[in-house]
Structures are given as C-alpha cells and as structure tokens.
N, C-alpha and C. Protein backbone atom coordinates (compact mmCIF):
# COMPACT_ATOMS: atom_id res chain seq x y z
N MET A 1 -38.17 13.88 -9.94
CA MET A 1 -37.18 14.76 -10.44
C MET A 1 -36.36 15.55 -9.57
N GLU A 2 -37.64 16.36 -8.85
CA GLU A 2 -37.05 17.37 -7.78
C GLU A 2 -36.01 16.51 -6.67
N ARG A 3 -36.62 15.42 -6.23
CA ARG A 3 -35.58 14.77 -5.38
C ARG A 3 -34.42 14.25 -5.77
N SER A 4 -34.21 13.96 -7.08
CA SER A 4 -32.78 13.84 -7.46
C SER A 4 -31.96 15.41 -7.66
N LYS A 5 -32.52 16.32 -7.59
CA LYS A 5 -31.73 17.70 -7.67
C LYS A 5 -31.35 17.90 -5.96
N ARG A 6 -32.32 17.50 -5.09
CA ARG A 6 -32.23 17.71 -3.79
C ARG A 6 -30.95 16.82 -3.48
N ILE A 7 -31.10 15.67 -3.93
CA ILE A 7 -29.72 14.61 -3.34
C ILE A 7 -28.56 15.31 -3.89
N LYS A 8 -28.61 15.88 -5.06
CA LYS A 8 -27.25 16.37 -6.07
C LYS A 8 -26.91 17.43 -4.93
N ARG A 9 -28.14 18.26 -4.47
CA ARG A 9 -27.24 19.56 -3.87
C ARG A 9 -26.71 19.13 -2.43
N GLU A 10 -27.35 18.19 -1.84
CA GLU A 10 -26.80 17.44 -0.50
C GLU A 10 -25.62 16.98 -0.66
N THR A 11 -25.06 16.36 -1.83
CA THR A 11 -23.89 15.73 -2.18
C THR A 11 -22.90 16.91 -2.18
N ASN A 12 -23.24 17.87 -2.93
CA ASN A 12 -22.33 18.84 -3.10
C ASN A 12 -21.87 19.30 -2.03
N SER A 13 -22.93 19.68 -1.15
CA SER A 13 -22.47 20.50 0.20
C SER A 13 -21.83 19.80 1.05
N GLN A 14 -22.11 18.26 0.97
CA GLN A 14 -21.10 17.42 1.62
C GLN A 14 -19.63 17.49 1.32
N GLU A 15 -19.72 17.32 -0.49
CA GLU A 15 -18.23 17.52 -0.65
C GLU A 15 -17.56 18.76 -0.55
N LYS A 16 -18.08 20.02 -0.37
CA LYS A 16 -17.49 21.14 -0.10
C LYS A 16 -16.99 21.07 1.59
N LYS A 17 -17.82 20.72 2.18
CA LYS A 17 -17.53 20.41 3.51
C LYS A 17 -16.23 19.62 3.81
N MET A 18 -16.18 18.11 3.14
CA MET A 18 -14.90 17.53 3.10
C MET A 18 -13.76 18.26 2.35
N ILE A 19 -13.97 19.08 1.30
CA ILE A 19 -12.65 19.92 0.86
C ILE A 19 -12.38 20.74 1.88
N ALA A 20 -13.04 21.37 2.31
CA ALA A 20 -12.65 22.57 3.70
C ALA A 20 -11.97 21.80 4.69
N GLU A 21 -12.69 20.69 4.92
CA GLU A 21 -11.89 19.76 6.04
C GLU A 21 -10.52 19.55 5.83
N SER A 22 -10.25 19.02 4.54
CA SER A 22 -8.97 18.65 4.07
C SER A 22 -7.87 19.47 3.90
N GLU A 23 -8.39 20.97 3.76
CA GLU A 23 -7.63 21.95 3.65
C GLU A 23 -6.55 22.16 4.84
N LYS A 24 -7.45 21.96 5.72
CA LYS A 24 -6.80 22.11 7.07
C LYS A 24 -5.54 21.43 7.17
N SER A 25 -5.21 20.14 6.96
CA SER A 25 -4.30 19.57 6.89
C SER A 25 -3.27 19.76 5.68
N TYR A 26 -2.07 19.05 5.81
CA TYR A 26 -1.04 18.73 4.73
C TYR A 26 -1.82 17.93 3.71
N PRO A 27 -1.37 18.22 2.37
CA PRO A 27 -2.10 17.54 1.43
C PRO A 27 -1.75 16.05 1.05
N THR A 28 -0.66 15.89 1.47
CA THR A 28 0.14 14.63 1.35
C THR A 28 -0.07 13.78 2.65
N GLY A 29 -0.57 14.37 3.57
CA GLY A 29 -0.78 13.40 4.88
C GLY A 29 0.29 13.83 5.69
N MET A 30 0.06 13.47 7.24
CA MET A 30 0.83 13.93 8.04
C MET A 30 1.15 12.39 8.56
N TRP A 31 2.80 12.38 9.08
CA TRP A 31 3.39 10.96 9.58
C TRP A 31 3.55 11.22 11.27
N VAL A 32 3.21 10.37 11.87
CA VAL A 32 3.81 10.25 13.32
C VAL A 32 4.63 8.71 13.61
N ILE A 33 5.21 9.17 14.95
CA ILE A 33 6.09 8.12 15.38
C ILE A 33 5.00 7.22 16.14
N PHE A 34 4.86 6.02 15.98
CA PHE A 34 4.01 5.18 16.73
C PHE A 34 5.35 4.05 17.20
N TYR A 35 5.09 4.13 18.93
CA TYR A 35 6.53 3.39 19.43
C TYR A 35 6.18 2.53 20.43
N ARG A 36 6.88 1.76 21.03
CA ARG A 36 6.86 1.10 22.18
C ARG A 36 8.19 0.89 23.01
N ARG A 37 8.20 0.70 24.39
CA ARG A 37 9.36 0.55 24.64
C ARG A 37 9.86 -0.97 24.83
N LEU A 38 10.91 -1.27 24.49
CA LEU A 38 11.21 -2.73 24.41
C LEU A 38 10.93 -3.57 25.50
N ASP A 39 10.92 -2.91 26.83
CA ASP A 39 10.57 -3.78 27.76
C ASP A 39 9.24 -3.92 28.08
N GLU A 40 8.26 -3.26 27.34
CA GLU A 40 6.84 -3.26 27.33
C GLU A 40 6.28 -3.64 25.98
N PRO A 41 6.23 -4.99 25.63
CA PRO A 41 5.88 -5.27 24.15
C PRO A 41 4.83 -5.15 23.96
N THR A 42 3.74 -4.99 24.71
CA THR A 42 2.25 -4.62 24.35
C THR A 42 1.66 -3.16 24.36
N GLU A 43 2.57 -2.20 24.83
CA GLU A 43 1.94 -1.20 24.88
C GLU A 43 2.35 -0.12 24.05
N TRP A 44 1.64 0.02 23.10
CA TRP A 44 2.36 1.10 21.92
C TRP A 44 1.37 2.63 21.99
N LYS A 45 2.10 3.43 21.84
CA LYS A 45 1.90 4.97 21.86
C LYS A 45 2.16 5.71 20.93
N THR A 46 1.63 6.83 20.76
CA THR A 46 1.85 7.79 19.77
C THR A 46 2.77 8.97 20.19
N MET A 47 3.77 9.39 19.40
CA MET A 47 4.88 10.49 20.46
C MET A 47 4.41 11.67 19.82
N ARG A 48 4.31 12.39 21.20
CA ARG A 48 4.16 13.85 21.71
C ARG A 48 5.23 14.71 21.34
N TYR A 49 6.13 14.48 21.84
CA TYR A 49 7.82 14.98 21.95
C TYR A 49 8.77 13.77 22.71
N GLN A 50 9.91 14.39 22.17
CA GLN A 50 11.06 13.59 22.79
C GLN A 50 12.01 14.77 23.70
N ARG A 51 12.02 14.18 25.31
CA ARG A 51 12.47 15.08 26.24
C ARG A 51 13.99 15.22 25.75
N SER A 52 14.74 16.00 26.36
CA SER A 52 16.32 16.34 25.91
C SER A 52 16.88 15.37 26.77
N ASP A 53 16.77 14.42 27.68
CA ASP A 53 17.33 12.95 28.10
C ASP A 53 16.82 11.99 27.48
N GLY A 54 16.19 12.15 26.43
CA GLY A 54 16.01 11.16 25.21
C GLY A 54 14.63 10.42 25.55
N VAL A 55 13.79 10.71 26.54
CA VAL A 55 12.74 10.05 26.66
C VAL A 55 11.49 10.39 25.94
N LEU A 56 10.89 9.61 25.15
CA LEU A 56 9.65 9.90 24.47
C LEU A 56 8.50 9.95 25.41
N VAL A 57 7.62 11.20 25.22
CA VAL A 57 6.21 11.33 25.49
C VAL A 57 5.37 11.15 24.80
N SER A 58 4.20 10.54 25.35
CA SER A 58 3.10 10.07 24.55
C SER A 58 1.95 11.16 24.42
N ALA A 59 1.10 11.09 23.38
CA ALA A 59 0.10 12.03 23.21
C ALA A 59 -1.53 11.40 23.34
N HIS A 60 -2.34 11.80 23.59
CA HIS A 60 -3.69 11.41 23.81
C HIS A 60 -4.57 12.05 22.88
N THR A 61 -4.40 13.22 22.35
CA THR A 61 -5.16 14.17 21.51
C THR A 61 -4.68 14.44 20.24
N TYR A 62 -5.27 14.38 19.21
CA TYR A 62 -4.76 14.79 17.82
C TYR A 62 -3.85 15.98 17.93
N ASP A 63 -4.08 17.30 18.67
CA ASP A 63 -3.31 18.50 18.90
C ASP A 63 -2.09 18.11 19.29
N ASP A 64 -2.00 17.16 20.41
CA ASP A 64 -0.87 17.03 20.96
C ASP A 64 0.11 16.00 20.12
N VAL A 65 -0.15 15.49 19.13
CA VAL A 65 0.63 14.55 18.51
C VAL A 65 1.75 15.49 17.76
N PHE A 66 3.32 14.93 17.90
CA PHE A 66 4.09 15.40 16.87
C PHE A 66 3.96 14.96 15.30
N LYS A 67 3.70 15.66 14.53
CA LYS A 67 3.59 15.50 13.25
C LYS A 67 4.59 15.79 12.36
N PHE A 68 5.02 14.72 11.40
CA PHE A 68 6.07 15.10 10.41
C PHE A 68 5.45 15.42 9.03
N ARG A 69 5.75 16.40 7.98
CA ARG A 69 5.09 16.57 7.27
C ARG A 69 5.78 15.35 6.03
N ARG A 70 6.78 15.15 6.24
CA ARG A 70 7.61 14.14 4.96
C ARG A 70 7.63 12.87 5.76
N PHE A 71 7.48 11.78 4.97
CA PHE A 71 7.55 10.21 5.59
C PHE A 71 9.27 9.95 5.77
N LYS A 72 9.95 10.61 4.89
CA LYS A 72 11.34 10.33 4.88
C LYS A 72 11.69 11.05 6.67
N GLU A 73 11.34 12.30 6.87
CA GLU A 73 11.87 12.74 8.09
C GLU A 73 11.42 11.74 9.16
N ALA A 74 10.37 11.14 9.03
CA ALA A 74 9.79 10.37 10.16
C ALA A 74 10.54 9.15 10.18
N PHE A 75 10.88 8.59 9.20
CA PHE A 75 11.18 7.12 8.90
C PHE A 75 12.86 7.51 9.44
N ASP A 76 13.44 8.50 9.09
CA ASP A 76 14.91 8.82 9.62
C ASP A 76 14.89 8.88 11.17
N PHE A 77 13.68 9.46 11.74
CA PHE A 77 13.66 9.89 13.29
C PHE A 77 13.53 8.43 13.61
N ALA A 78 12.58 7.64 13.17
CA ALA A 78 12.38 6.43 13.94
C ALA A 78 13.68 5.46 13.61
N LYS A 79 14.35 5.10 12.62
CA LYS A 79 15.52 4.85 12.45
C LYS A 79 16.10 4.82 13.60
N GLY A 80 16.47 6.26 13.67
CA GLY A 80 17.54 6.77 15.10
C GLY A 80 17.30 6.10 16.03
N LEU A 81 15.75 5.82 16.53
CA LEU A 81 15.44 5.39 17.58
C LEU A 81 15.69 3.78 17.59
N ASN A 82 15.53 3.22 16.76
CA ASN A 82 15.51 1.74 16.44
C ASN A 82 17.02 1.46 16.76
N THR A 83 18.06 2.28 16.22
CA THR A 83 19.51 2.17 16.33
C THR A 83 20.20 2.97 16.99
N ALA A 84 19.54 3.09 18.31
CA ALA A 84 20.53 3.90 19.19
C ALA A 84 21.48 3.29 19.93
N GLU A 85 22.22 4.17 20.35
CA GLU A 85 23.67 3.50 20.98
C GLU A 85 23.68 3.98 22.20
N PRO A 86 24.03 2.96 23.09
CA PRO A 86 24.72 1.72 23.18
C PRO A 86 23.62 0.64 22.71
N GLN A 87 22.60 0.81 23.39
CA GLN A 87 21.44 -0.23 23.28
C GLN A 87 20.30 0.27 23.00
N PRO A 88 19.20 -0.06 21.78
CA PRO A 88 18.18 0.65 21.59
C PRO A 88 17.21 0.60 22.78
N VAL A 89 16.17 1.68 22.90
CA VAL A 89 15.24 1.50 23.99
C VAL A 89 13.96 1.47 23.59
N TYR A 90 13.77 2.00 22.26
CA TYR A 90 12.29 1.67 21.88
C TYR A 90 12.59 1.06 20.45
N ASP A 91 11.39 0.61 20.04
CA ASP A 91 10.94 -0.35 18.84
C ASP A 91 9.75 0.83 18.10
N SER A 92 10.05 1.60 16.98
CA SER A 92 9.39 2.38 16.55
C SER A 92 8.90 2.31 15.15
N THR A 93 7.66 2.69 14.71
CA THR A 93 7.58 2.64 13.12
C THR A 93 6.87 4.21 12.93
N VAL A 94 6.67 4.02 11.68
CA VAL A 94 5.60 5.42 11.04
C VAL A 94 4.59 5.05 10.46
N LYS A 95 3.77 5.67 11.00
CA LYS A 95 2.21 5.61 10.61
C LYS A 95 1.45 7.16 10.04
N ARG A 96 0.63 6.88 9.45
CA ARG A 96 -0.24 7.87 8.96
C ARG A 96 -1.26 8.27 9.96
N ILE A 97 -1.33 9.93 10.19
CA ILE A 97 -2.14 10.01 11.53
C ILE A 97 -3.55 10.66 10.71
N CYS A 98 -4.85 10.48 11.24
CA CYS A 98 -5.87 10.70 10.56
C CYS A 98 -6.82 11.39 11.77
N ARG A 99 -7.54 12.30 11.69
CA ARG A 99 -8.54 13.14 12.79
C ARG A 99 -9.94 12.17 12.59
N ALA A 100 -10.28 11.75 13.74
CA ALA A 100 -11.51 11.09 13.84
C ALA A 100 -12.62 11.79 14.15
N GLY A 101 -12.56 12.98 14.70
CA GLY A 101 -13.46 13.71 15.06
C GLY A 101 -13.17 14.51 16.40
N GLY A 102 -13.54 15.62 16.57
CA GLY A 102 -13.00 16.38 17.83
C GLY A 102 -11.43 16.38 18.19
N GLU A 103 -11.17 15.76 19.29
CA GLU A 103 -9.81 15.52 19.43
C GLU A 103 -9.03 14.36 19.05
N ASP A 104 -10.07 13.11 18.69
CA ASP A 104 -9.81 11.93 18.64
C ASP A 104 -8.76 11.76 17.16
N PHE A 105 -8.13 10.64 17.22
CA PHE A 105 -7.28 10.35 15.92
C PHE A 105 -7.08 8.91 15.84
N TYR A 106 -6.99 8.55 14.69
CA TYR A 106 -6.55 7.08 14.44
C TYR A 106 -5.23 6.87 13.46
N LEU A 107 -4.81 5.77 13.63
CA LEU A 107 -3.42 5.91 13.13
C LEU A 107 -3.67 4.88 11.65
N SER A 108 -3.01 5.20 10.70
CA SER A 108 -3.33 3.95 9.46
C SER A 108 -1.92 3.69 9.02
N GLY A 109 -1.78 2.55 8.59
CA GLY A 109 -0.17 2.18 8.32
C GLY A 109 -0.61 0.94 7.19
N ASN A 110 0.80 1.05 6.89
CA ASN A 110 1.03 -0.34 5.72
C ASN A 110 1.26 -1.49 6.23
C-alpha cells in the first residue's frame, strides 16, 4: 500500500513538472518554416530569419528558430516563398516545433 502511494506521489510531481514546462510555450504550439533551396534538393533547414535581400538563414538551436504562433501566418509565409516572382528559389513547408532538451529541437509534421 505504501509503495502505491509513493508511485502516485512521483507521478504527481512528474505531471507538475510537465505542466510547468508546457506553460513556457504557446498553448496551441509553435510553427516554423522548414525549407530547402530548389538547387539543393536533399538539404532541408529550419528558418532563423529572412534577410532584407530575401535570403533565408538557418537555425541550429531552439532559441534561434523563428516561431509563428498561428499556423495560418506560417502557411502564408511559406506560400509566399513557394510562389515568389519571377521564379521561386525555395521549397518550403510548415512544421510544428518541439523542444527536445537543452538547446535541441525536433519538428513534427503531417
């Protein structure tokens, strides 16, 4: 009986830690641009920012990634990249970003 109480207490403290961690992020998730240059078909990157000349800069840590709070905003940005005039330079898609621990991250997508 005492063992079951101890397991229950550990679970509660783990749940509290997870709730505190999730409160640091936006409740519906954060969205990022996952892109590649059309002339480099196998090298996908995550967007950090877009320079004034239109070049996308890639991110390497979770804090460096440019995050959108709304999927529609990220989708509209990606659509603009994919249909740029006179000719598109990038192929891009929208992914959800998740913190993996420390400065690492991973992308989950549909």
